[in-house]
Protein backbone atom coordinates (compact mmCIF):
# COMPACT_ATOMS: atom_id res chain seq x y z
CA MET A 1 82.60 100.66 122.38
CA GLY A 2 83.08 102.41 119.05
CA ILE A 3 86.35 103.20 117.35
CA LEU A 4 85.58 106.89 118.00
CA GLU A 5 84.17 107.77 121.42
CA VAL A 6 83.05 111.28 122.36
CA LYS A 7 82.05 111.75 126.00
CA ASN A 8 80.53 114.82 127.64
CA VAL A 9 82.20 117.24 125.23
CA GLY A 10 81.51 120.92 125.73
CA LYS A 11 83.04 123.88 123.91
CA ARG A 12 82.38 127.58 124.41
CA PHE A 13 83.54 130.53 122.32
CA GLY A 14 83.06 133.61 124.47
CA GLY A 15 79.35 133.80 125.19
CA LEU A 16 78.46 131.10 122.63
CA GLN A 17 78.02 127.52 123.80
CA ALA A 18 79.02 125.76 120.58
CA LEU A 19 78.87 122.22 122.01
CA ASN A 20 76.95 121.14 125.08
CA ASP A 21 77.53 117.75 126.71
CA VAL A 22 77.93 115.86 123.42
CA ASN A 23 78.12 112.07 123.62
CA LEU A 24 78.72 110.09 120.45
CA SER A 25 79.95 106.62 119.56
CA VAL A 26 80.99 105.71 116.01
CA ALA A 27 81.07 101.97 115.38
CA GLU A 28 84.07 100.53 113.57
CA ASN A 29 83.58 99.89 109.83
CA SER A 30 80.36 101.92 109.77
CA VAL A 31 79.20 105.14 108.10
CA HIS A 32 78.02 107.62 110.73
CA ALA A 33 76.48 110.94 109.68
CA ILE A 34 76.28 114.08 111.81
CA ILE A 35 73.57 116.46 110.66
CA GLY A 36 71.89 119.61 111.90
CA PRO A 37 70.93 123.14 110.91
CA ASN A 38 73.57 125.78 110.24
CA GLY A 39 75.30 126.72 113.49
CA ALA A 40 74.44 123.41 115.15
CA GLY A 41 78.08 122.72 116.06
CA LYS A 42 78.91 120.10 113.44
CA SER A 43 82.21 121.55 112.21
CA THR A 44 83.24 122.42 115.77
CA LEU A 45 82.71 118.79 116.73
CA LEU A 46 84.68 117.57 113.71
CA ASN A 47 87.55 119.87 114.68
CA CYS A 48 87.54 118.20 118.09
CA PHE A 49 87.85 114.80 116.40
CA VAL A 50 91.22 115.79 114.89
CA GLY A 51 92.60 117.69 117.86
CA LYS A 52 92.32 121.05 116.11
CA LEU A 53 90.06 122.25 118.92
CA ILE A 54 90.39 121.18 122.53
CA PRO A 55 87.02 120.94 124.31
CA ASP A 56 86.49 122.79 127.57
CA THR A 57 85.03 119.60 129.00
CA GLY A 58 84.91 115.94 128.04
CA SER A 59 87.08 113.60 126.01
CA VAL A 60 87.55 112.40 122.43
CA MET A 61 89.12 108.95 122.05
CA PHE A 62 90.14 107.15 118.87
CA ASP A 63 90.77 103.43 119.31
CA GLY A 64 91.36 104.00 123.00
CA GLN A 65 93.75 106.95 122.60
CA SER A 66 92.98 110.61 123.21
CA VAL A 67 93.24 112.88 120.17
CA LEU A 68 93.22 116.06 122.22
CA GLY A 69 96.22 118.34 121.80
CA ARG A 70 97.90 116.16 119.19
CA LYS A 71 99.67 117.65 116.20
CA PRO A 72 98.25 117.05 112.69
CA TYR A 73 100.94 114.50 111.74
CA GLU A 74 100.22 112.59 114.96
CA ILE A 75 96.51 112.47 114.12
CA ASN A 76 97.46 111.17 110.67
CA GLN A 77 99.75 108.53 112.16
CA MET A 78 96.91 107.35 114.39
CA GLY A 79 94.97 106.55 111.23
CA ILE A 80 92.65 109.54 110.84
CA SER A 81 92.32 111.46 107.56
CA ARG A 82 90.06 114.41 106.82
CA VAL A 83 88.37 115.76 103.70
CA PHE A 84 87.56 119.47 104.02
CA GLN A 85 84.55 121.42 102.72
CA THR A 86 86.77 123.02 100.07
CA PRO A 87 89.07 120.45 98.42
CA GLU A 88 92.56 120.72 99.93
CA ILE A 89 94.80 120.04 96.95
CA PHE A 90 97.81 121.78 95.41
CA ALA A 91 96.24 123.71 92.55
CA ASP A 92 99.55 124.58 90.86
CA LEU A 93 100.69 120.94 90.70
CA THR A 94 99.54 118.24 88.32
CA VAL A 95 97.15 115.53 89.42
CA MET A 96 100.02 113.03 89.46
CA GLU A 97 102.22 115.33 91.53
CA ASN A 98 99.39 115.79 94.03
CA MET A 99 98.93 112.05 94.26
CA MET A 100 102.62 111.37 94.85
CA ILE A 101 102.76 113.56 97.96
CA PRO A 102 100.75 111.29 100.33
CA CYS A 103 102.35 108.22 98.75
CA PHE A 104 105.68 109.61 99.95
CA ALA A 105 104.57 110.99 103.32
CA LYS A 106 103.32 107.70 104.67
CA ARG A 107 101.53 107.36 107.96
CA ASP A 108 104.55 105.58 109.47
CA GLY A 109 106.40 108.90 109.64
CA ALA A 110 108.79 108.30 106.74
CA PHE A 111 108.63 111.98 105.85
CA ARG A 112 110.37 112.98 109.09
CA MET A 113 114.13 113.48 109.01
CA HIS A 114 115.00 110.98 111.71
CA ALA A 115 113.32 108.24 109.63
CA ILE A 116 115.05 109.16 106.39
CA GLU A 117 116.26 105.59 105.85
CA SER A 118 112.68 104.37 105.48
CA ILE A 119 111.69 106.73 102.65
CA PRO A 120 110.28 104.64 99.76
CA ASN A 121 112.08 104.80 96.44
CA GLU A 122 110.75 106.86 93.56
CA LYS A 123 109.55 103.86 91.54
CA ASP A 124 107.42 102.66 94.45
CA ILE A 125 105.95 106.13 94.93
CA ILE A 126 105.07 106.46 91.25
CA ALA A 127 103.60 102.96 91.12
CA LYS A 128 101.36 103.58 94.14
CA ALA A 129 100.27 107.00 92.85
CA GLU A 130 99.38 105.54 89.44
CA HIS A 131 97.45 102.71 91.12
CA MET A 132 95.45 105.18 93.22
CA LEU A 133 94.63 107.34 90.19
CA GLU A 134 93.49 104.30 88.25
CA ASP A 135 91.37 103.11 91.17
CA MET A 136 89.68 106.53 91.32
CA ASN A 137 89.19 106.77 87.54
CA LEU A 138 91.56 109.73 87.37
CA SER A 139 94.30 108.26 85.16
CA ASP A 140 93.17 110.36 82.20
CA HIS A 141 93.82 113.50 84.28
CA ARG A 142 97.35 112.42 85.25
CA ASP A 143 99.18 115.35 83.65
CA MET A 144 96.44 117.96 84.10
CA HIS A 145 96.98 120.83 86.51
CA ALA A 146 94.70 120.26 89.49
CA ALA A 147 93.32 123.80 89.24
CA SER A 148 91.63 122.96 85.94
CA MET A 149 89.69 119.97 87.29
CA SER A 150 85.96 120.01 87.98
CA ARG A 151 84.89 120.24 91.62
CA GLY A 152 83.79 116.62 91.55
CA ASP A 153 87.16 115.45 90.23
CA LYS A 154 89.01 117.64 92.76
CA ARG A 155 87.02 115.94 95.50
CA ARG A 156 87.81 112.53 94.05
CA LEU A 157 91.52 113.43 94.02
CA GLU A 158 91.39 114.66 97.61
CA ILE A 159 89.73 111.42 98.75
CA ALA A 160 92.37 109.43 96.85
CA MET A 161 95.12 111.42 98.60
CA CYS A 162 93.57 110.56 101.97
CA LEU A 163 93.20 106.88 101.12
CA ALA A 164 96.82 106.62 99.96
CA GLN A 165 97.79 106.80 103.64
CA ASP A 166 95.55 103.86 104.56
CA PRO A 167 93.41 105.59 107.20
CA ARG A 168 91.17 103.67 109.58
CA LEU A 169 88.83 106.67 109.99
CA LEU A 170 87.89 108.99 107.14
CA LEU A 171 86.24 112.28 108.15
CA LEU A 172 84.21 114.03 105.46
CA ASP A 173 83.12 117.65 105.95
CA GLU A 174 80.29 118.32 103.47
CA PRO A 175 82.03 116.41 100.66
CA THR A 176 79.34 117.19 98.07
CA ALA A 177 78.98 120.93 98.79
CA GLY A 178 78.78 122.95 95.57
CA MET A 179 78.55 119.89 93.34
CA ALA A 180 76.17 119.26 90.47
CA ARG A 181 73.79 116.36 91.07
CA ALA A 182 75.72 114.06 88.72
CA ASP A 183 78.96 114.68 90.66
CA THR A 184 77.10 114.19 93.93
CA ASN A 185 75.80 110.79 92.79
CA ASN A 186 79.27 109.82 91.60
CA THR A 187 80.68 110.74 95.01
CA ILE A 188 78.00 108.64 96.73
CA ASP A 189 78.92 105.66 94.54
CA LEU A 190 82.61 106.20 95.25
CA LEU A 191 82.13 106.29 99.01
CA LYS A 192 79.96 103.18 98.91
CA ARG A 193 82.71 101.37 97.03
CA ILE A 194 85.37 102.58 99.45
CA LYS A 195 83.32 101.31 102.37
CA ASP A 196 82.77 97.92 100.70
CA GLU A 197 86.40 97.42 99.65
CA ARG A 198 88.34 98.81 102.61
CA ASP A 199 88.59 98.23 106.33
CA ILE A 200 87.52 101.78 107.08
CA THR A 201 85.12 103.81 109.20
CA ILE A 202 83.52 106.95 107.74
CA ALA A 203 82.10 109.89 109.68
CA ILE A 204 80.38 112.48 107.52
CA ILE A 205 78.93 115.96 108.00
CA GLU A 206 76.47 116.76 105.25
CA HIS A 207 73.50 119.02 104.56
CA ASP A 208 72.28 117.08 101.52
CA MET A 209 69.83 114.54 102.92
CA HIS A 210 70.01 112.51 99.71
CA VAL A 211 73.69 111.90 100.49
CA VAL A 212 73.05 111.21 104.17
CA PHE A 213 70.28 108.67 103.63
CA SER A 214 72.18 107.01 100.78
CA LEU A 215 75.26 106.34 102.91
CA ALA A 216 74.68 106.48 106.65
CA GLU A 217 74.02 103.52 108.92
CA ARG A 218 73.63 105.75 111.99
CA ILE A 219 72.77 109.45 112.20
CA THR A 220 73.34 111.92 115.02
CA VAL A 221 71.28 115.11 114.88
CA LEU A 222 72.66 118.26 116.54
CA ALA A 223 70.85 121.51 117.28
CA GLN A 224 72.51 124.47 118.97
CA GLY A 225 75.42 122.28 120.02
CA THR A 226 73.24 119.69 121.73
CA PRO A 227 72.52 116.15 120.45
CA LEU A 228 68.81 115.73 119.82
CA VAL A 229 68.64 112.13 118.70
CA GLU A 230 70.84 109.33 117.37
CA ASP A 231 69.23 106.53 115.40
CA THR A 232 69.05 104.65 112.11
CA PRO A 233 68.14 106.58 108.95
CA ASP A 234 64.66 105.03 108.84
CA ASN A 235 63.90 106.18 112.38
CA ILE A 236 65.39 109.64 111.83
CA LYS A 237 63.06 110.38 108.92
CA GLY A 238 60.04 112.23 110.27
CA HIS A 239 61.32 112.21 113.87
CA PRO A 240 59.49 115.02 115.71
CA LYS A 241 62.68 116.45 117.25
CA VAL A 242 64.35 116.51 113.84
CA ARG A 243 61.38 118.22 112.23
CA GLU A 244 61.38 120.80 114.99
CA ALA A 245 65.10 121.50 114.61
CA TYR A 246 64.96 121.86 110.83
CA LEU A 247 61.49 123.15 110.19
CA GLY A 248 60.43 124.76 113.44
CA GLU A 249 57.55 122.32 113.71
CA THR A 250 56.45 121.13 117.14
CA GLN A 251 54.22 118.28 118.16
CA THR A 252 50.75 119.17 119.33
CA ALA A 253 48.67 117.13 121.65
CA ALA A 254 46.02 115.00 120.00
């Protein structure tokens, strides 16, 4: 069994069947990509992973526990962090101030009032934030307002903020969208390093096939809310069902 198990998930919005009997298993300490044309149901499925959407049918389990109906802080405490399509940072704060927030609001619930005695002291927060910025090559931006950063650096900061809470599962929703190729390649290198250095599982939604084939160990292809195929990157390339979904090409009899 994988660390993330999706079984028979279906989700309908009015007359639209967004997800249809989706089954998916993400192996622990792997990089698993979910791809498909626009409207395939990728973001809907990701929202089910974090309890934001509750499927009409089926289950979503993380390390043996259901994520369905849980509040965001509970999802975070389980060890799941998410990177959104548009970087979710505090634009009016400095890079350092952004970085200090997750270092304070630890996954153990220290930010909640009933656990006030376990709040880390300011020196520890600063030290951890500075370490994370150094690890992400963002130390030079320490005092810069986050709004003035490049998109690639904003993404790097957002990933650092997620990692500061020591997640076991990192969900990435089109992390290179809108990036220049140089920033995209830097993000690929960063994610490879994160995977090599941390005990972490990564699930990624991405349209850029260069990113997908550079990172993924397994790929699930969706079309119109239905899984078409799940396989290794080498076997996905040129797969007739994938070509049909993306290009409208169908196999013809010899």
